Amino acid sequence: NPIPPRTKIDVLISPVFGVKVQYKNTVFETLPYVKPQKTQKPKTEATERKPYMPPDTHYFKYGHNLVKRLTYEDSDRDILKMLEEIFLRKYA
């Protein structure tokens, strides 16, 4: 019968017989554990990476041409004119 998982066992180590396991007064032989080597992916040829270029119909490529630019030139002139009337006016 195999030993159930998570069972407390006694490990016996000796230069005469090596490593053995004792479970319920029965001594079992052990097998050496060899860790398997990692499988390496085959190296593929290095592909040339190109940056993503959106198509000509993409909004972010020419979207700035679709929206009219907003300028405050007219309102700035009105503000400056108002300030000149207030501060540069000669009072009697």
C-alpha atoms as a PDB file:
ATOM      1  CA  ASN A   1       0.000   0.000   0.000  1.00  0.00           C
ATOM      2  CA  PRO A   2       1.322   3.482  -0.812  1.00  0.00           C
ATOM      3  CA  ILE A   3       1.838   5.954   1.982  1.00  0.00           C
ATOM      4  CA  PRO A   4      -1.046   8.453   2.167  1.00  0.00           C
ATOM      5  CA  PRO A   5      -0.196  12.108   1.536  1.00  0.00           C
ATOM      6  CA  ARG A   6       0.576  14.378   4.519  1.00  0.00           C
ATOM      7  CA  THR A   7       1.440  11.468   6.755  1.00  0.00           C
ATOM      8  CA  LYS A   8       4.120  11.713   9.433  1.00  0.00           C
ATOM      9  CA  ILE A   9       7.010   9.411   8.593  1.00  0.00           C
ATOM     10  CA  ASP A  10      10.468   8.684   9.982  1.00  0.00           C
ATOM     11  CA  VAL A  11      13.396   9.253   7.636  1.00  0.00           C
ATOM     12  CA  LEU A  12      16.306   6.868   8.277  1.00  0.00           C
ATOM     13  CA  ILE A  13      19.742   7.941   7.046  1.00  0.00           C
ATOM     14  CA  SER A  14      22.814   5.729   7.230  1.00  0.00           C
ATOM     15  CA  PRO A  15      26.109   5.420   5.354  1.00  0.00           C
ATOM     16  CA  VAL A  16      25.430   1.686   5.118  1.00  0.00           C
ATOM     17  CA  PHE A  17      21.953   1.633   3.519  1.00  0.00           C
ATOM     18  CA  GLY A  18      21.485   5.293   2.455  1.00  0.00           C
ATOM     19  CA  VAL A  19      18.064   6.886   2.894  1.00  0.00           C
ATOM     20  CA  LYS A  20      14.969   4.878   3.832  1.00  0.00           C
ATOM     21  CA  VAL A  21      11.487   5.756   5.134  1.00  0.00           C
ATOM     22  CA  GLN A  22       9.726   4.115   8.048  1.00  0.00           C
ATOM     23  CA  TYR A  23       5.921   4.177   8.272  1.00  0.00           C
ATOM     24  CA  LYS A  24       3.977   2.069  10.827  1.00  0.00           C
ATOM     25  CA  ASN A  25       7.034  -0.078  11.608  1.00  0.00           C
ATOM     26  CA  THR A  26       7.522  -0.850   7.901  1.00  0.00           C
ATOM     27  CA  VAL A  27      10.695   0.332   6.177  1.00  0.00           C
ATOM     28  CA  PHE A  28      10.423   1.453   2.543  1.00  0.00           C
ATOM     29  CA  GLU A  29      13.117   1.993  -0.054  1.00  0.00           C
ATOM     30  CA  THR A  30      13.363   5.494  -1.509  1.00  0.00           C
ATOM     31  CA  LEU A  31      13.929   6.598  -5.050  1.00  0.00           C
ATOM     32  CA  PRO A  32      16.321   9.444  -5.771  1.00  0.00           C
ATOM     33  CA  TYR A  33      14.524  12.575  -6.922  1.00  0.00           C
ATOM     34  CA  VAL A  34      15.987  14.180 -10.000  1.00  0.00           C
ATOM     35  CA  LYS A  35      14.630  17.629 -10.675  1.00  0.00           C
ATOM     36  CA  PRO A  36      13.564  17.867 -14.327  1.00  0.00           C
ATOM     37  CA  GLN A  37      15.326  20.427 -16.439  1.00  0.00           C
ATOM     38  CA  LYS A  38      13.366  23.362 -17.715  1.00  0.00           C
ATOM     39  CA  THR A  39      12.391  23.095 -21.316  1.00  0.00           C
ATOM     40  CA  GLN A  40      13.750  25.958 -23.299  1.00  0.00           C
ATOM     41  CA  LYS A  41      11.780  27.507 -26.099  1.00  0.00           C
ATOM     42  CA  PRO A  42      13.567  27.317 -29.408  1.00  0.00           C
ATOM     43  CA  LYS A  43      15.078  30.648 -30.252  1.00  0.00           C
ATOM     44  CA  THR A  44      13.372  32.254 -33.166  1.00  0.00           C
ATOM     45  CA  GLU A  45      14.910  34.782 -35.454  1.00  0.00           C
ATOM     46  CA  ALA A  46      14.817  38.304 -34.094  1.00  0.00           C
ATOM     47  CA  THR A  47      11.966  40.090 -35.775  1.00  0.00           C
ATOM     48  CA  GLU A  48      12.276  43.748 -36.540  1.00  0.00           C
ATOM     49  CA  ARG A  49       9.933  45.746 -34.340  1.00  0.00           C
ATOM     50  CA  LYS A  50       8.162  48.663 -35.893  1.00  0.00           C
ATOM     51  CA  PRO A  51       6.248  51.306 -33.970  1.00  0.00           C
ATOM     52  CA  TYR A  52       2.484  51.313 -34.413  1.00  0.00           C
ATOM     53  CA  MET A  53       1.322  53.854 -36.957  1.00  0.00           C
ATOM     54  CA  PRO A  54      -2.430  54.523 -36.974  1.00  0.00           C
ATOM     55  CA  PRO A  55      -4.142  54.558 -40.370  1.00  0.00           C
ATOM     56  CA  ASP A  56      -4.770  57.856 -42.133  1.00  0.00           C
ATOM     57  CA  THR A  57      -8.442  57.697 -41.169  1.00  0.00           C
ATOM     58  CA  HIS A  58      -7.647  57.556 -37.449  1.00  0.00           C
ATOM     59  CA  TYR A  59      -8.966  60.504 -35.422  1.00  0.00           C
ATOM     60  CA  PHE A  60      -5.788  61.117 -33.435  1.00  0.00           C
ATOM     61  CA  LYS A  61      -3.686  61.411 -36.569  1.00  0.00           C
ATOM     62  CA  TYR A  62      -5.525  64.326 -38.166  1.00  0.00           C
ATOM     63  CA  GLY A  63      -8.086  65.228 -35.498  1.00  0.00           C
ATOM     64  CA  HIS A  64      -6.476  68.597 -34.805  1.00  0.00           C
ATOM     65  CA  ASN A  65      -7.492  69.698 -38.310  1.00  0.00           C
ATOM     66  CA  LEU A  66     -11.143  68.843 -37.681  1.00  0.00           C
ATOM     67  CA  VAL A  67     -11.605  71.167 -34.691  1.00  0.00           C
ATOM     68  CA  LYS A  68     -11.469  74.935 -35.092  1.00  0.00           C
ATOM     69  CA  ARG A  69      -8.810  76.550 -32.946  1.00  0.00           C
ATOM     70  CA  LEU A  70     -10.062  78.663 -30.098  1.00  0.00           C
ATOM     71  CA  THR A  71      -8.389  82.044 -29.668  1.00  0.00           C
ATOM     72  CA  TYR A  72      -8.988  84.708 -27.076  1.00  0.00           C
ATOM     73  CA  GLU A  73      -7.619  87.519 -29.210  1.00  0.00           C
ATOM     74  CA  ASP A  74     -10.921  89.437 -29.439  1.00  0.00           C
ATOM     75  CA  SER A  75     -11.769  89.103 -25.763  1.00  0.00           C
ATOM     76  CA  ASP A  76      -8.207  90.109 -24.801  1.00  0.00           C
ATOM     77  CA  ARG A  77      -8.529  93.306 -26.819  1.00  0.00           C
ATOM     78  CA  ASP A  78     -11.835  94.103 -25.122  1.00  0.00           C
ATOM     79  CA  ILE A  79     -10.281  93.571 -21.685  1.00  0.00           C
ATOM     80  CA  LEU A  80      -7.275  95.761 -22.497  1.00  0.00           C
ATOM     81  CA  LYS A  81      -9.574  98.486 -23.839  1.00  0.00           C
ATOM     82  CA  MET A  82     -11.656  98.396 -20.645  1.00  0.00           C
ATOM     83  CA  LEU A  83      -8.540  98.572 -18.427  1.00  0.00           C
ATOM     84  CA  GLU A  84      -7.174 101.523 -20.414  1.00  0.00           C
ATOM     85  CA  GLU A  85     -10.454 103.369 -19.941  1.00  0.00           C
ATOM     86  CA  ILE A  86     -10.358 102.750 -16.198  1.00  0.00           C
ATOM     87  CA  PHE A  87      -6.704 103.426 -15.363  1.00  0.00           C
ATOM     88  CA  LEU A  88      -5.483 105.773 -18.089  1.00  0.00           C
ATOM     89  CA  ARG A  89      -8.448 108.110 -18.057  1.00  0.00           C
ATOM     90  CA  LYS A  90      -7.767 111.589 -16.747  1.00  0.00           C
ATOM     91  CA  TYR A  91     -10.178 112.524 -14.003  1.00  0.00           C
ATOM     92  CA  ALA A  92     -10.992 116.182 -13.331  1.00  0.00           C
END
